[in-house]
Amino acid sequence: MSVAAVGSGVLRITHAFARARAEGRLAIAVYLTVGFPDRGATDGLLRAALDGGADLLELGVPFSDPVADGVTVQRASQVALHGATGLQDCIDAARELRQERDACILLMGYTNPFLRYGFARFARAAEDAGVAGVIVPDLPAEEGGDVDEELIPHGIARIDLYAPTTPDARLDLLLPGSRGFAYCVSLTGVTGARTALASDVAEFVARVRARTELPVAVGFGISRPQHVSALRGIADGVVVGSAAIDAVANAAPGGREAALRAFVGSLAAAARS
């Protein structure tokens, strides 16, 4: 039996956000590059993130040219690629975690690894592993129809990213077909920890909310508990990536899991406060 048998990926995403909403808090999604700092460390780090309070996990698929990512994720990808980590390792990591935890797992990666693997093959393998959704930042939403034809029968959501520069006409076109949640990029530019949120993030989220009933999560640049607190009442969730990787990278090898657990815990506390 597939480890996804408890329900489709789309439903697991819906339940993750609904649970957070029922508890009066934001949902926390944590991104970690699989294979950083090494493949053997990944499983423990994923569990540490969940223990710290993560509601969703984004497993980063290493890629040589991550155009939407800043220095932190680029370096993590380079380390993971040096260790020969690939898409199959990411699927395997999801399966191993889902066998023991009721985790909502997404894979985030660029088009090329999925194309080489084959989207039809990936859809089958991802469903079997219990993957709930996939984020492909360099795949324009308008060109995702063929991919959706492979993913939808397996209950896997392809989640699109929306930037503050996205015009209303394009939001009107794309949001009705979105699945899982609406991923709002909080700023123009690449991923990376920032000291402050963009001043127009509330206005941007409001534009997206007006066009969809899906949960809305804000990512890119979210790095501090005060960023999370500031988004209460605006978004339904936050996505934290570079700052989580930094917490791992800056810790001593024996203290990485504890450091990540504490960092995610600080975000989860801010999501409730």
C-alpha atoms as a PDB file:
ATOM      1  CA  MET A   1       0.000   0.000   0.000  1.00  0.00           C
ATOM      2  CA  SER A   2       1.223   3.479  -0.811  1.00  0.00           C
ATOM      3  CA  VAL A   3       2.229   5.623   2.164  1.00  0.00           C
ATOM      4  CA  ALA A   4      -0.069   8.230   0.592  1.00  0.00           C
ATOM      5  CA  ALA A   5      -3.107   6.046   1.215  1.00  0.00           C
ATOM      6  CA  VAL A   6      -4.455   8.265   4.027  1.00  0.00           C
ATOM      7  CA  GLY A   7      -5.584  10.799   1.422  1.00  0.00           C
ATOM      8  CA  SER A   8      -4.521  12.796  -1.562  1.00  0.00           C
ATOM      9  CA  GLY A   9      -1.743  15.323  -1.378  1.00  0.00           C
ATOM     10  CA  VAL A  10      -4.142  18.184  -2.039  1.00  0.00           C
ATOM     11  CA  LEU A  11      -6.204  17.152   0.976  1.00  0.00           C
ATOM     12  CA  ARG A  12      -3.125  16.944   3.197  1.00  0.00           C
ATOM     13  CA  ILE A  13      -2.193  20.501   2.247  1.00  0.00           C
ATOM     14  CA  THR A  14      -5.743  21.656   2.950  1.00  0.00           C
ATOM     15  CA  HIS A  15      -5.731  19.917   6.328  1.00  0.00           C
ATOM     16  CA  ALA A  16      -2.359  21.413   7.303  1.00  0.00           C
ATOM     17  CA  PHE A  17      -3.627  24.951   6.790  1.00  0.00           C
ATOM     18  CA  ALA A  18      -7.038  24.182   8.292  1.00  0.00           C
ATOM     19  CA  ARG A  19      -5.439  22.803  11.444  1.00  0.00           C
ATOM     20  CA  ALA A  20      -3.357  25.932  11.875  1.00  0.00           C
ATOM     21  CA  ARG A  21      -6.388  28.154  11.266  1.00  0.00           C
ATOM     22  CA  ALA A  22      -8.455  26.217  13.806  1.00  0.00           C
ATOM     23  CA  GLU A  23      -5.694  26.766  16.356  1.00  0.00           C
ATOM     24  CA  GLY A  24      -5.640  30.496  15.636  1.00  0.00           C
ATOM     25  CA  ARG A  25      -2.144  30.610  14.177  1.00  0.00           C
ATOM     26  CA  LEU A  26      -0.204  30.786  10.941  1.00  0.00           C
ATOM     27  CA  ALA A  27       0.963  27.592   9.270  1.00  0.00           C
ATOM     28  CA  ILE A  28       4.753  27.220   9.134  1.00  0.00           C
ATOM     29  CA  ALA A  29       6.414  25.723   6.049  1.00  0.00           C
ATOM     30  CA  VAL A  30      10.136  25.015   6.263  1.00  0.00           C
ATOM     31  CA  TYR A  31      12.388  24.525   3.229  1.00  0.00           C
ATOM     32  CA  LEU A  32      15.514  22.377   3.505  1.00  0.00           C
ATOM     33  CA  THR A  33      17.808  21.293   0.676  1.00  0.00           C
ATOM     34  CA  VAL A  34      18.032  17.508   0.599  1.00  0.00           C
ATOM     35  CA  GLY A  35      21.667  16.477   0.861  1.00  0.00           C
ATOM     36  CA  PHE A  36      22.793  19.520   2.845  1.00  0.00           C
ATOM     37  CA  PRO A  37      25.045  19.443   4.755  1.00  0.00           C
ATOM     38  CA  ASP A  38      25.111  15.786   3.678  1.00  0.00           C
ATOM     39  CA  ARG A  39      22.549  13.163   2.733  1.00  0.00           C
ATOM     40  CA  GLY A  40      22.903  11.372   6.032  1.00  0.00           C
ATOM     41  CA  ALA A  41      21.919  14.506   7.940  1.00  0.00           C
ATOM     42  CA  THR A  42      18.745  15.215   5.989  1.00  0.00           C
ATOM     43  CA  ASP A  43      16.406  12.762   7.714  1.00  0.00           C
ATOM     44  CA  GLY A  44      17.232  14.025  11.191  1.00  0.00           C
ATOM     45  CA  LEU A  45      16.895  17.648  10.129  1.00  0.00           C
ATOM     46  CA  LEU A  46      13.460  17.053   8.613  1.00  0.00           C
ATOM     47  CA  ARG A  47      12.300  15.475  11.849  1.00  0.00           C
ATOM     48  CA  ALA A  48      13.806  18.328  13.853  1.00  0.00           C
ATOM     49  CA  ALA A  49      11.838  20.844  11.786  1.00  0.00           C
ATOM     50  CA  LEU A  50       8.619  18.954  12.478  1.00  0.00           C
ATOM     51  CA  ASP A  51       9.459  18.702  16.170  1.00  0.00           C
ATOM     52  CA  GLY A  52      10.002  22.463  16.214  1.00  0.00           C
ATOM     53  CA  GLY A  53       6.506  23.059  14.899  1.00  0.00           C
ATOM     54  CA  ALA A  54       6.628  22.953  11.093  1.00  0.00           C
ATOM     55  CA  ASP A  55       3.266  22.179   9.478  1.00  0.00           C
ATOM     56  CA  LEU A  56       4.651  21.616   5.978  1.00  0.00           C
ATOM     57  CA  LEU A  57       8.089  20.662   4.711  1.00  0.00           C
ATOM     58  CA  GLU A  58       9.552  21.735   1.389  1.00  0.00           C
ATOM     59  CA  LEU A  59      12.274  19.334   0.292  1.00  0.00           C
ATOM     60  CA  GLY A  60      14.617  21.214  -1.991  1.00  0.00           C
ATOM     61  CA  VAL A  61      15.789  19.296  -5.057  1.00  0.00           C
ATOM     62  CA  PRO A  62      19.454  20.257  -5.678  1.00  0.00           C
ATOM     63  CA  PHE A  63      20.094  21.933  -9.013  1.00  0.00           C
ATOM     64  CA  SER A  64      23.168  23.505 -10.594  1.00  0.00           C
ATOM     65  CA  ASP A  65      21.449  26.731 -11.680  1.00  0.00           C
ATOM     66  CA  PRO A  66      18.738  27.667  -9.139  1.00  0.00           C
ATOM     67  CA  VAL A  67      17.819  30.994 -10.733  1.00  0.00           C
ATOM     68  CA  ALA A  68      15.174  31.962  -8.160  1.00  0.00           C
ATOM     69  CA  ASP A  69      17.466  31.342  -5.207  1.00  0.00           C
ATOM     70  CA  GLY A  70      20.028  33.450  -3.436  1.00  0.00           C
ATOM     71  CA  VAL A  71      23.477  32.582  -2.143  1.00  0.00           C
ATOM     72  CA  THR A  72      22.363  30.426   0.785  1.00  0.00           C
ATOM     73  CA  VAL A  73      20.285  27.980  -1.249  1.00  0.00           C
ATOM     74  CA  GLN A  74      22.793  28.047  -4.108  1.00  0.00           C
ATOM     75  CA  ARG A  75      25.575  26.965  -1.773  1.00  0.00           C
ATOM     76  CA  ALA A  76      23.409  24.286  -0.203  1.00  0.00           C
ATOM     77  CA  SER A  77      22.597  22.941  -3.675  1.00  0.00           C
ATOM     78  CA  GLN A  78      26.270  22.879  -4.606  1.00  0.00           C
ATOM     79  CA  VAL A  79      27.117  20.896  -1.479  1.00  0.00           C
ATOM     80  CA  ALA A  80      24.268  18.471  -2.117  1.00  0.00           C
ATOM     81  CA  LEU A  81      25.214  17.993  -5.768  1.00  0.00           C
ATOM     82  CA  HIS A  82      28.817  17.365  -4.735  1.00  0.00           C
ATOM     83  CA  GLY A  83      27.430  14.551  -2.620  1.00  0.00           C
ATOM     84  CA  ALA A  84      25.543  13.188  -5.658  1.00  0.00           C
ATOM     85  CA  THR A  85      22.093  13.961  -4.232  1.00  0.00           C
ATOM     86  CA  GLY A  86      19.342  13.906  -6.858  1.00  0.00           C
ATOM     87  CA  LEU A  87      15.586  13.843  -7.292  1.00  0.00           C
ATOM     88  CA  GLN A  88      15.322  10.164  -6.381  1.00  0.00           C
ATOM     89  CA  ASP A  89      17.007  10.910  -3.044  1.00  0.00           C
ATOM     90  CA  CYS A  90      14.366  13.581  -2.396  1.00  0.00           C
ATOM     91  CA  ILE A  91      11.554  11.143  -3.142  1.00  0.00           C
ATOM     92  CA  ASP A  92      13.208   8.554  -0.906  1.00  0.00           C
ATOM     93  CA  ALA A  93      13.556  11.089   1.928  1.00  0.00           C
ATOM     94  CA  ALA A  94       9.854  11.897   1.659  1.00  0.00           C
ATOM     95  CA  ARG A  95       8.927   8.210   1.743  1.00  0.00           C
ATOM     96  CA  GLU A  96      11.094   7.497   4.784  1.00  0.00           C
ATOM     97  CA  LEU A  97       9.605  10.399   6.701  1.00  0.00           C
ATOM     98  CA  ARG A  98       6.019   9.603   5.744  1.00  0.00           C
ATOM     99  CA  GLN A  99       6.436   6.043   6.945  1.00  0.00           C
ATOM    100  CA  GLU A 100       6.740   7.322  10.503  1.00  0.00           C
ATOM    101  CA  ARG A 101       5.197  10.819  10.521  1.00  0.00           C
ATOM    102  CA  ASP A 102       1.921  12.263   9.254  1.00  0.00           C
ATOM    103  CA  ALA A 103       3.855  15.006   7.490  1.00  0.00           C
ATOM    104  CA  CYS A 104       2.722  17.264   4.661  1.00  0.00           C
ATOM    105  CA  ILE A 105       5.656  17.164   2.253  1.00  0.00           C
ATOM    106  CA  LEU A 106       6.274  19.219  -0.875  1.00  0.00           C
ATOM    107  CA  LEU A 107       9.163  18.976  -3.309  1.00  0.00           C
ATOM    108  CA  MET A 108      10.584  22.227  -4.640  1.00  0.00           C
ATOM    109  CA  GLY A 109      12.919  22.124  -7.599  1.00  0.00           C
ATOM    110  CA  TYR A 110      13.602  23.321 -11.108  1.00  0.00           C
ATOM    111  CA  THR A 111      12.174  21.924 -14.313  1.00  0.00           C
ATOM    112  CA  ASN A 112      15.225  20.077 -15.640  1.00  0.00           C
ATOM    113  CA  PRO A 113      15.519  17.344 -12.955  1.00  0.00           C
ATOM    114  CA  PHE A 114      11.803  16.582 -13.270  1.00  0.00           C
ATOM    115  CA  LEU A 115      11.998  16.436 -17.057  1.00  0.00           C
ATOM    116  CA  ARG A 116      14.949  14.065 -16.915  1.00  0.00           C
ATOM    117  CA  TYR A 117      13.113  11.885 -14.413  1.00  0.00           C
ATOM    118  CA  GLY A 118       9.878  12.123 -16.398  1.00  0.00           C
ATOM    119  CA  PHE A 119       6.785  13.806 -14.974  1.00  0.00           C
ATOM    120  CA  ALA A 120       4.622  10.702 -15.446  1.00  0.00           C
ATOM    121  CA  ARG A 121       7.148   8.562 -13.600  1.00  0.00           C
ATOM    122  CA  PHE A 122       7.575  11.265 -10.979  1.00  0.00           C
ATOM    123  CA  ALA A 123       3.823  11.501 -10.358  1.00  0.00           C
ATOM    124  CA  ARG A 124       3.615   7.773  -9.647  1.00  0.00           C
ATOM    125  CA  ALA A 125       6.703   7.747  -7.447  1.00  0.00           C
ATOM    126  CA  ALA A 126       5.653  10.879  -5.567  1.00  0.00           C
ATOM    127  CA  GLU A 127       2.199   9.527  -4.803  1.00  0.00           C
ATOM    128  CA  ASP A 128       3.702   6.265  -3.593  1.00  0.00           C
ATOM    129  CA  ALA A 129       6.101   8.198  -1.362  1.00  0.00           C
ATOM    130  CA  GLY A 130       3.356  10.369   0.090  1.00  0.00           C
ATOM    131  CA  VAL A 131       4.412  13.661  -1.500  1.00  0.00           C
ATOM    132  CA  ALA A 132       1.576  16.197  -1.330  1.00  0.00           C
ATOM    133  CA  GLY A 133       2.705  18.771  -3.868  1.00  0.00           C
ATOM    134  CA  VAL A 134       5.449  20.141  -6.058  1.00  0.00           C
ATOM    135  CA  ILE A 135       6.749  23.658  -6.662  1.00  0.00           C
ATOM    136  CA  VAL A 136       8.652  24.323  -9.886  1.00  0.00           C
ATOM    137  CA  PRO A 137       9.635  28.012  -9.833  1.00  0.00           C
ATOM    138  CA  ASP A 138      10.968  28.188 -13.396  1.00  0.00           C
ATOM    139  CA  LEU A 139       7.869  26.589 -14.943  1.00  0.00           C
ATOM    140  CA  PRO A 140       5.425  29.353 -15.967  1.00  0.00           C
ATOM    141  CA  ALA A 141       1.918  28.602 -14.795  1.00  0.00           C
ATOM    142  CA  GLU A 142       0.596  29.021 -18.334  1.00  0.00           C
ATOM    143  CA  GLU A 143       2.870  26.175 -19.443  1.00  0.00           C
ATOM    144  CA  GLY A 144       2.022  23.786 -16.630  1.00  0.00           C
ATOM    145  CA  GLY A 145      -1.021  22.147 -18.184  1.00  0.00           C
ATOM    146  CA  ASP A 146       0.813  19.078 -19.468  1.00  0.00           C
ATOM    147  CA  VAL A 147       2.456  18.616 -16.083  1.00  0.00           C
ATOM    148  CA  ASP A 148      -0.889  18.926 -14.296  1.00  0.00           C
ATOM    149  CA  GLU A 149      -2.313  16.185 -16.502  1.00  0.00           C
ATOM    150  CA  GLU A 150       0.277  13.848 -14.992  1.00  0.00           C
ATOM    151  CA  LEU A 151       0.020  15.078 -11.401  1.00  0.00           C
ATOM    152  CA  ILE A 152      -3.708  15.564 -10.851  1.00  0.00           C
ATOM    153  CA  PRO A 153      -4.717  11.882 -11.203  1.00  0.00           C
ATOM    154  CA  HIS A 154      -2.219  11.108  -8.439  1.00  0.00           C
ATOM    155  CA  GLY A 155      -3.583  13.780  -6.096  1.00  0.00           C
ATOM    156  CA  ILE A 156      -0.456  15.939  -6.259  1.00  0.00           C
ATOM    157  CA  ALA A 157      -0.776  19.721  -6.311  1.00  0.00           C
ATOM    158  CA  ARG A 158       1.453  21.843  -8.528  1.00  0.00           C
ATOM    159  CA  ILE A 159       1.772  25.085  -6.598  1.00  0.00           C
ATOM    160  CA  ASP A 160       2.416  28.306  -8.476  1.00  0.00           C
ATOM    161  CA  LEU A 161       4.355  31.306  -7.207  1.00  0.00           C
ATOM    162  CA  TYR A 162       2.932  34.811  -7.531  1.00  0.00           C
ATOM    163  CA  ALA A 163       5.124  37.908  -7.393  1.00  0.00           C
ATOM    164  CA  PRO A 164       4.174  41.433  -6.264  1.00  0.00           C
ATOM    165  CA  THR A 165       4.662  42.541  -9.870  1.00  0.00           C
ATOM    166  CA  THR A 166       2.018  40.104 -11.167  1.00  0.00           C
ATOM    167  CA  PRO A 167      -0.733  42.252 -12.732  1.00  0.00           C
ATOM    168  CA  ASP A 168      -4.349  41.785 -11.730  1.00  0.00           C
ATOM    169  CA  ALA A 169      -5.245  40.460 -15.190  1.00  0.00           C
ATOM    170  CA  ARG A 170      -2.761  37.595 -14.827  1.00  0.00           C
ATOM    171  CA  LEU A 171      -3.969  36.837 -11.293  1.00  0.00           C
ATOM    172  CA  ASP A 172      -7.518  36.710 -12.674  1.00  0.00           C
ATOM    173  CA  LEU A 173      -6.349  34.181 -15.255  1.00  0.00           C
ATOM    174  CA  LEU A 174      -4.209  31.935 -13.060  1.00  0.00           C
ATOM    175  CA  LEU A 175      -5.639  31.853  -9.547  1.00  0.00           C
ATOM    176  CA  PRO A 176      -8.913  30.077 -10.389  1.00  0.00           C
ATOM    177  CA  GLY A 177      -6.888  27.065 -11.520  1.00  0.00           C
ATOM    178  CA  SER A 178      -4.486  27.026  -8.582  1.00  0.00           C
ATOM    179  CA  ARG A 179      -4.328  24.061  -6.222  1.00  0.00           C
ATOM    180  CA  GLY A 180      -3.005  23.486  -2.723  1.00  0.00           C
ATOM    181  CA  PHE A 181      -2.265  27.052  -1.687  1.00  0.00           C
ATOM    182  CA  ALA A 182      -1.318  30.360  -3.248  1.00  0.00           C
ATOM    183  CA  TYR A 183       2.393  31.015  -2.747  1.00  0.00           C
ATOM    184  CA  CYS A 184       3.025  34.762  -2.594  1.00  0.00           C
ATOM    185  CA  VAL A 185       6.607  35.895  -3.103  1.00  0.00           C
ATOM    186  CA  SER A 186       6.995  38.762  -0.654  1.00  0.00           C
ATOM    187  CA  LEU A 187       9.490  40.714  -2.749  1.00  0.00           C
ATOM    188  CA  THR A 188      11.074  40.965  -6.152  1.00  0.00           C
ATOM    189  CA  GLY A 189      14.392  39.156  -6.417  1.00  0.00           C
ATOM    190  CA  VAL A 190      15.750  35.837  -5.211  1.00  0.00           C
ATOM    191  CA  THR A 191      15.374  33.893  -1.989  1.00  0.00           C
ATOM    192  CA  GLY A 192      17.410  34.899   1.033  1.00  0.00           C
ATOM    193  CA  ALA A 193      16.990  36.123   4.587  1.00  0.00           C
ATOM    194  CA  ARG A 194      16.012  39.796   4.838  1.00  0.00           C
ATOM    195  CA  THR A 195      15.948  42.231   7.732  1.00  0.00           C
ATOM    196  CA  ALA A 196      12.459  43.565   6.984  1.00  0.00           C
ATOM    197  CA  LEU A 197       9.336  42.661   5.048  1.00  0.00           C
ATOM    198  CA  ALA A 198       8.400  44.566   1.918  1.00  0.00           C
ATOM    199  CA  SER A 199       6.065  47.467   2.667  1.00  0.00           C
ATOM    200  CA  ASP A 200       3.480  46.355   0.118  1.00  0.00           C
ATOM    201  CA  VAL A 201       3.123  42.710   1.203  1.00  0.00           C
ATOM    202  CA  ALA A 202      -0.304  43.233   2.828  1.00  0.00           C
ATOM    203  CA  GLU A 203      -1.662  44.917  -0.290  1.00  0.00           C
ATOM    204  CA  PHE A 204      -0.279  42.141  -2.475  1.00  0.00           C
ATOM    205  CA  VAL A 205      -1.771  39.374  -0.331  1.00  0.00           C
ATOM    206  CA  ALA A 206      -5.121  41.187  -0.392  1.00  0.00           C
ATOM    207  CA  ARG A 207      -5.049  41.218  -4.205  1.00  0.00           C
ATOM    208  CA  VAL A 208      -4.461  37.457  -4.214  1.00  0.00           C
ATOM    209  CA  ARG A 209      -7.122  36.760  -1.561  1.00  0.00           C
ATOM    210  CA  ALA A 210      -9.707  38.605  -3.609  1.00  0.00           C
ATOM    211  CA  ARG A 211      -9.282  36.018  -6.361  1.00  0.00           C
ATOM    212  CA  THR A 212      -9.043  32.678  -4.548  1.00  0.00           C
ATOM    213  CA  GLU A 213     -10.402  30.768  -1.580  1.00  0.00           C
ATOM    214  CA  LEU A 214      -7.147  28.829  -1.231  1.00  0.00           C
ATOM    215  CA  PRO A 215      -4.900  29.469   1.769  1.00  0.00           C
ATOM    216  CA  VAL A 216      -2.273  32.124   1.091  1.00  0.00           C
ATOM    217  CA  ALA A 217       1.335  31.660   2.221  1.00  0.00           C
ATOM    218  CA  VAL A 218       4.091  34.259   2.035  1.00  0.00           C
ATOM    219  CA  GLY A 219       7.702  33.300   1.356  1.00  0.00           C
ATOM    220  CA  PHE A 220      11.081  34.680   0.227  1.00  0.00           C
ATOM    221  CA  GLY A 221      12.836  36.829   2.812  1.00  0.00           C
ATOM    222  CA  ILE A 222      10.982  35.513   5.877  1.00  0.00           C
ATOM    223  CA  SER A 223      13.738  34.984   8.413  1.00  0.00           C
ATOM    224  CA  ARG A 224      12.752  36.247  11.867  1.00  0.00           C
ATOM    225  CA  PRO A 225       9.978  35.640  14.391  1.00  0.00           C
ATOM    226  CA  GLN A 226       8.912  39.282  14.040  1.00  0.00           C
ATOM    227  CA  HIS A 227       8.360  38.721  10.321  1.00  0.00           C
ATOM    228  CA  VAL A 228       5.975  35.900  11.202  1.00  0.00           C
ATOM    229  CA  SER A 229       4.187  37.993  13.811  1.00  0.00           C
ATOM    230  CA  ALA A 230       3.763  40.822  11.315  1.00  0.00           C
ATOM    231  CA  LEU A 231       1.951  38.501   8.904  1.00  0.00           C
ATOM    232  CA  ARG A 232      -0.700  37.380  11.394  1.00  0.00           C
ATOM    233  CA  GLY A 233      -4.044  38.545  10.142  1.00  0.00           C
ATOM    234  CA  ILE A 234      -2.629  39.009   6.639  1.00  0.00           C
ATOM    235  CA  ALA A 235      -1.582  35.551   5.430  1.00  0.00           C
ATOM    236  CA  ASP A 236      -2.498  31.977   6.356  1.00  0.00           C
ATOM    237  CA  GLY A 237       1.075  30.758   6.459  1.00  0.00           C
ATOM    238  CA  VAL A 238       4.735  31.550   5.937  1.00  0.00           C
ATOM    239  CA  VAL A 239       7.531  29.742   4.106  1.00  0.00           C
ATOM    240  CA  VAL A 240      11.035  29.941   5.562  1.00  0.00           C
ATOM    241  CA  GLY A 241      14.014  28.587   3.662  1.00  0.00           C
ATOM    242  CA  SER A 242      17.336  30.421   3.655  1.00  0.00           C
ATOM    243  CA  ALA A 243      17.143  31.270   7.356  1.00  0.00           C
ATOM    244  CA  ALA A 244      16.477  27.609   8.207  1.00  0.00           C
ATOM    245  CA  ILE A 245      19.472  26.532   6.139  1.00  0.00           C
ATOM    246  CA  ASP A 246      21.567  29.228   7.840  1.00  0.00           C
ATOM    247  CA  ALA A 247      20.544  27.856  11.247  1.00  0.00           C
ATOM    248  CA  VAL A 248      21.894  24.463  10.187  1.00  0.00           C
ATOM    249  CA  ALA A 249      25.032  25.823   8.530  1.00  0.00           C
ATOM    250  CA  ASN A 250      25.981  28.001  11.502  1.00  0.00           C
ATOM    251  CA  ALA A 251      25.653  25.205  14.061  1.00  0.00           C
ATOM    252  CA  ALA A 252      28.335  22.761  15.112  1.00  0.00           C
ATOM    253  CA  PRO A 253      27.872  19.339  13.444  1.00  0.00           C
ATOM    254  CA  GLY A 254      26.565  17.758  16.630  1.00  0.00           C
ATOM    255  CA  GLY A 255      24.138  20.583  17.306  1.00  0.00           C
ATOM    256  CA  ARG A 256      22.482  21.059  13.940  1.00  0.00           C
ATOM    257  CA  GLU A 257      19.206  19.339  14.727  1.00  0.00           C
ATOM    258  CA  ALA A 258      18.861  21.179  18.040  1.00  0.00           C
ATOM    259  CA  ALA A 259      19.635  24.506  16.379  1.00  0.00           C
ATOM    260  CA  LEU A 260      17.046  23.956  13.666  1.00  0.00           C
ATOM    261  CA  ARG A 261      14.445  22.731  16.153  1.00  0.00           C
ATOM    262  CA  ALA A 262      14.964  25.850  18.261  1.00  0.00           C
ATOM    263  CA  PHE A 263      14.816  28.172  15.253  1.00  0.00           C
ATOM    264  CA  VAL A 264      11.594  26.637  13.926  1.00  0.00           C
ATOM    265  CA  GLY A 265      10.220  26.710  17.453  1.00  0.00           C
ATOM    266  CA  SER A 266      10.792  30.469  17.611  1.00  0.00           C
ATOM    267  CA  LEU A 267       8.842  30.903  14.377  1.00  0.00           C
ATOM    268  CA  ALA A 268       6.032  28.662  15.608  1.00  0.00           C
ATOM    269  CA  ALA A 269       5.777  30.693  18.807  1.00  0.00           C
ATOM    270  CA  ALA A 270       5.530  33.901  16.776  1.00  0.00           C
ATOM    271  CA  ALA A 271       2.826  32.304  14.627  1.00  0.00           C
ATOM    272  CA  ARG A 272       0.688  31.867  17.749  1.00  0.00           C
ATOM    273  CA  SER A 273       1.416  35.144  19.517  1.00  0.00           C
END
